[in-house]
Protein backbone atom coordinates (compact mmCIF):
# COMPACT_ATOMS: atom_id res chain seq x y z
CA MET A 1 32.87 -7.82 -145.82
CA ALA A 2 31.45 -8.19 -149.48
CA GLU A 3 27.66 -7.94 -150.13
CA ILE A 4 26.70 -12.11 -150.51
CA SER A 5 25.60 -10.57 -154.26
CA GLU A 6 28.75 -9.78 -155.00
CA VAL A 7 30.24 -13.05 -154.47
CA LEU A 8 27.02 -15.05 -155.32
CA TRP A 9 26.42 -14.65 -159.27
CA ASN A 10 29.34 -16.07 -161.07
CA LYS A 11 29.93 -13.17 -163.90
CA GLN A 12 31.77 -16.29 -166.17
CA VAL A 13 28.39 -17.83 -166.91
CA THR A 14 25.71 -16.22 -168.05
CA ALA A 15 22.45 -17.17 -169.72
CA SER A 16 23.54 -17.24 -173.23
CA ASP A 17 25.52 -20.53 -172.40
CA TYR A 18 22.99 -22.36 -171.60
CA THR A 19 21.94 -23.18 -175.27
CA ASP A 20 21.62 -26.08 -176.72
CA ALA A 21 24.67 -28.46 -176.28
CA LYS A 22 25.82 -26.13 -173.76
CA ALA A 23 22.71 -26.21 -171.58
CA THR A 24 23.55 -30.53 -172.11
CA TYR A 25 27.03 -29.71 -170.80
CA HIS A 26 25.56 -27.83 -167.92
CA ALA A 27 23.33 -29.93 -167.06
CA ALA A 28 25.76 -32.35 -166.14
CA VAL A 29 27.81 -30.34 -164.45
CA PHE A 30 24.94 -29.41 -162.06
CA GLU A 31 24.39 -32.97 -161.83
CA GLN A 32 27.73 -33.80 -160.57
CA TYR A 33 27.57 -30.88 -157.80
CA LYS A 34 24.22 -32.42 -156.45
CA LEU A 35 26.03 -35.42 -156.31
CA CYS A 36 29.46 -33.88 -154.52
CA VAL A 37 26.83 -31.95 -152.29
CA GLU A 38 24.97 -35.17 -151.18
CA MET A 39 28.16 -36.51 -150.61
CA ALA A 40 29.46 -33.65 -148.30
CA ASP A 41 26.33 -34.17 -146.48
CA ARG A 42 26.59 -37.95 -145.78
CA VAL A 43 30.30 -37.52 -144.45
CA SER A 44 29.03 -34.76 -142.35
CA ALA A 45 26.40 -37.44 -141.22
CA ARG A 46 29.06 -39.84 -140.52
CA ARG A 47 31.01 -37.62 -138.76
CA ASN A 48 28.61 -36.74 -135.79
CA LEU A 49 27.51 -40.30 -135.64
CA ALA A 50 31.15 -40.70 -135.08
CA ASN A 51 31.10 -38.04 -132.79
CA THR A 52 27.75 -39.64 -130.73
CA PHE A 53 29.43 -42.98 -130.57
CA PHE A 54 32.52 -41.65 -128.76
CA LEU A 55 30.81 -39.36 -126.61
CA THR A 56 28.25 -42.28 -125.61
CA LEU A 57 30.99 -44.19 -125.26
CA HIS A 58 33.62 -41.72 -122.68
CA SER A 59 30.26 -40.79 -121.26
CA GLY A 60 29.32 -44.14 -119.77
CA LEU A 61 33.05 -45.34 -119.17
CA VAL A 62 32.56 -41.92 -116.96
CA ALA A 63 29.53 -42.82 -114.92
CA PHE A 64 31.33 -46.64 -114.57
CA LEU A 65 34.06 -45.60 -113.08
CA GLY A 66 32.77 -42.91 -111.32
CA ALA A 67 30.14 -45.49 -109.46
CA TRP A 68 32.99 -48.40 -109.23
CA LEU A 69 35.87 -45.81 -107.43
CA SER A 70 32.87 -44.59 -105.17
CA GLN A 71 33.15 -47.52 -103.74
CA GLU A 72 35.83 -49.38 -101.70
CA HIS A 73 37.84 -50.59 -105.24
CA ARG A 74 40.15 -47.43 -104.86
CA GLY A 75 42.31 -48.37 -102.11
CA ARG A 76 42.77 -51.51 -103.82
CA LEU A 77 44.02 -50.37 -107.19
CA SER A 78 47.00 -50.04 -107.99
CA VAL A 79 48.94 -47.36 -109.31
CA LEU A 80 50.24 -49.72 -112.22
CA LEU A 81 46.84 -50.51 -113.12
CA LEU A 82 45.54 -46.82 -112.95
CA LEU A 83 47.91 -46.13 -115.09
CA ALA A 84 47.04 -49.12 -117.74
CA GLY A 85 43.82 -47.83 -117.54
CA LEU A 86 44.93 -44.19 -118.35
CA LEU A 87 46.66 -45.30 -121.51
CA VAL A 88 43.70 -47.25 -122.48
CA LEU A 89 41.55 -43.72 -122.21
CA LEU A 90 43.96 -41.72 -124.09
CA ALA A 91 44.53 -44.13 -126.63
CA MET A 92 40.37 -43.50 -127.06
CA CYS A 93 40.91 -39.70 -127.06
CA THR A 94 43.39 -40.00 -129.57
CA ALA A 95 41.61 -42.08 -131.85
CA TRP A 96 38.53 -40.23 -131.65
CA TRP A 97 40.19 -36.73 -132.35
CA PHE A 98 42.22 -38.32 -135.01
CA THR A 99 38.78 -39.32 -136.67
CA LEU A 100 37.43 -35.88 -136.58
CA ARG A 101 40.68 -34.64 -138.00
CA SER A 102 40.08 -37.36 -140.86
CA TYR A 103 36.56 -36.34 -141.11
CA ARG A 104 37.40 -32.71 -141.43
CA GLN A 105 39.85 -33.48 -144.10
CA LEU A 106 37.69 -35.67 -146.22
CA ASN A 107 35.32 -32.65 -145.78
CA GLU A 108 37.50 -30.02 -147.12
CA GLY A 109 38.30 -31.68 -150.38
CA LYS A 110 34.98 -31.89 -151.29
CA PHE A 111 33.90 -28.48 -150.22
CA ARG A 112 37.29 -27.61 -152.90
CA VAL A 113 35.36 -29.73 -155.45
CA ILE A 114 32.16 -28.07 -154.81
CA GLY A 115 33.56 -24.39 -155.09
CA ALA A 116 35.25 -25.68 -158.64
CA LEU A 117 31.94 -26.93 -159.91
CA GLU A 118 30.22 -23.95 -158.89
CA GLU A 119 32.58 -21.89 -161.30
CA GLN A 120 30.56 -23.57 -163.88
CA LEU A 121 27.40 -22.32 -162.23
CA PRO A 122 25.23 -19.49 -162.39
CA ALA A 123 25.23 -19.13 -158.92
CA ARG A 124 27.97 -20.10 -156.27
CA ALA A 125 25.04 -20.26 -153.54
CA PHE A 126 26.93 -23.32 -151.16
CA ARG A 127 30.54 -22.09 -151.61
CA ALA A 128 30.72 -18.93 -151.99
CA GLY A 129 27.70 -17.43 -151.02
CA GLU A 130 26.41 -18.68 -147.61
CA TRP A 131 30.24 -18.99 -146.60
CA GLU A 132 29.99 -15.24 -147.06
CA ALA A 133 27.00 -15.02 -145.41
CA LEU A 134 28.18 -16.89 -142.10
CA HIS A 135 31.31 -14.27 -142.49
CA ARG A 136 33.75 -16.85 -143.38
CA GLY A 137 33.68 -18.29 -140.15
CA GLU A 138 35.78 -15.21 -138.93
CA ASP A 139 33.46 -13.77 -136.26
CA TRP A 140 31.83 -16.98 -133.57
CA ARG A 141 28.90 -14.37 -133.39
CA VAL A 142 28.12 -14.95 -136.38
CA TYR A 143 29.19 -18.56 -136.95
CA LEU A 144 31.39 -20.81 -134.96
CA PRO A 145 32.22 -23.64 -137.41
CA LEU A 146 31.49 -27.21 -135.21
CA THR A 147 35.05 -28.20 -136.18
CA ARG A 148 36.54 -25.57 -134.12
CA VAL A 149 34.52 -26.65 -131.04
CA GLU A 150 34.39 -30.32 -131.26
CA ARG A 151 37.87 -30.80 -131.57
CA TRP A 152 38.24 -29.82 -128.14
CA VAL A 153 36.03 -32.46 -126.83
CA PRO A 154 38.29 -35.79 -127.00
CA VAL A 155 41.05 -33.12 -125.41
CA ILE A 156 39.23 -32.57 -122.86
CA PHE A 157 38.28 -35.79 -121.77
CA GLY A 158 41.87 -36.71 -122.27
CA ALA A 159 42.56 -34.29 -119.63
CA THR A 160 39.56 -35.27 -117.15
CA TYR A 161 41.33 -38.43 -116.85
CA VAL A 162 45.03 -37.30 -116.74
CA LEU A 163 43.34 -35.17 -114.09
CA GLY A 164 41.51 -38.01 -112.57
CA PHE A 165 44.48 -40.32 -112.60
CA ILE A 166 46.88 -38.12 -111.03
CA GLY A 167 43.53 -37.86 -107.90
CA LEU A 168 43.78 -41.34 -107.66
CA ALA A 169 47.39 -41.66 -107.59
CA LEU A 170 48.11 -39.13 -104.79
């Protein structure tokens, strides 16, 4: 593992690059960099909001179904009705999974742009330095990327729905 200072400082950009017109150029690059970092942060916030929406929706449905099925409705449900409900729930899980995938892909693109912009700055704090400090997400004890965890939540809900269907259908 490289030292953070080895990857943090951009050896191609030095103090002599910040004179007159070059300084204006680098200031413009830095402003664009700040905007890209802000937009990446906003995408992450929207992703968290989407997770909250889907988690609340599914938790509410699980609570409702649990209460409703604990009463006498269980014996009156046909397998066809249960299957239709299962397909709707699995479609919601699929939509959740693809929403998370889309946000992850969007942020990956933004992080590539941020990394390219950092090549014009004296320090590569966000893309190279921070990522190196987090051991590139390769050691879960140091940093477990959220995308590795969150993509399992809709799958777990879907598996729970399938097991519940099987339990009710038998």
